[in-house]
Amino acid sequence: MGIHGASFREFDIGETLRIIVEELGLNEIELTSSQIRLHGDPEHELATLGEVRRLHAQLQTAGVKATAYGFVPMSIDLEKNTRLFQMAQELELKNLTVIPEYDALDHLEELAELYDIRLAIHNNAPGRLYDSMEQVYEVVEDRGNNVGACIDIGNVLRSYEDPAAAIRYLGKKVFGIHLKDVSSRSNDSEVIGLGEGVLDTEELFAALRETQMPEDIACSLEYLGQPSEPVPSLLRSLALAEDLLN
């Protein structure tokens, strides 16, 4: 298990890596724009190749592996998308967590094959693209080995669906999980500690134990409740997760 970078959106990268290793005892992170900007507009604010390589060196020195980057909305823009894959390759990422437009999927799958980086399609909250697991199933089921899903547990709950059932159904197509609890099923619910909201943690972790998924899945614990002091809640969530996984 690793940490989702949004949990440390108010910390610089050096302090983020120190906390992950020294206080949480982990060694994986899913990077976000809070750590480095790899995609989007304006282009002049995107990280340079030198900045990407410096981040990679910081990760290596800290002993932390970047498992994924995202989430990233993606259209059919060959130049921007190719640049994103190139930067992801520099960081040795295995996943890009994406929300792709439908007409971009063929092109993005070609890039995924070329760079050997998986596309993990991220489900959204109601009212947005991929706001149901059925939409995600339909997109990934007939695609190749580099196209799968990143299941955002909070958004599954907000869509009044069952996260455990989604994990069991997708199985080996689950490339990533944004592991979180939410205060309610409404779109504006807060992201809180595991076991403190509406998530059935026992059923979810039963699915995680019993379902065959890729060994290098990017399972990223996410907590947004107290951005200036996330560690106490993250530690409680990690303790609960360890207990339920064992």
Foldseek 3Di string as FASTA:
>chain_A
DAAECLLQLVDAPLVVLCCRCPVVVHAEYAAEVSHAALADPDPVRHDDLVRLLVSLVSSVVSNHAYAEYDEEEEEQDVVSLLSSLVSCVSSVYQEYEYAYDPVNVVVNLVSCVVSVHAYAYEADAPPDRNLELVNQCVSQVPDDLRYAHEYEPLSCLLSVHALLVSCQVRFQRHQHYADFAWAHSHNPTATFAPPNHDHPVLSNLVSVLPGHYDPSRHYHYYHDPDNVDSSVRVNVNVVVSVVSND
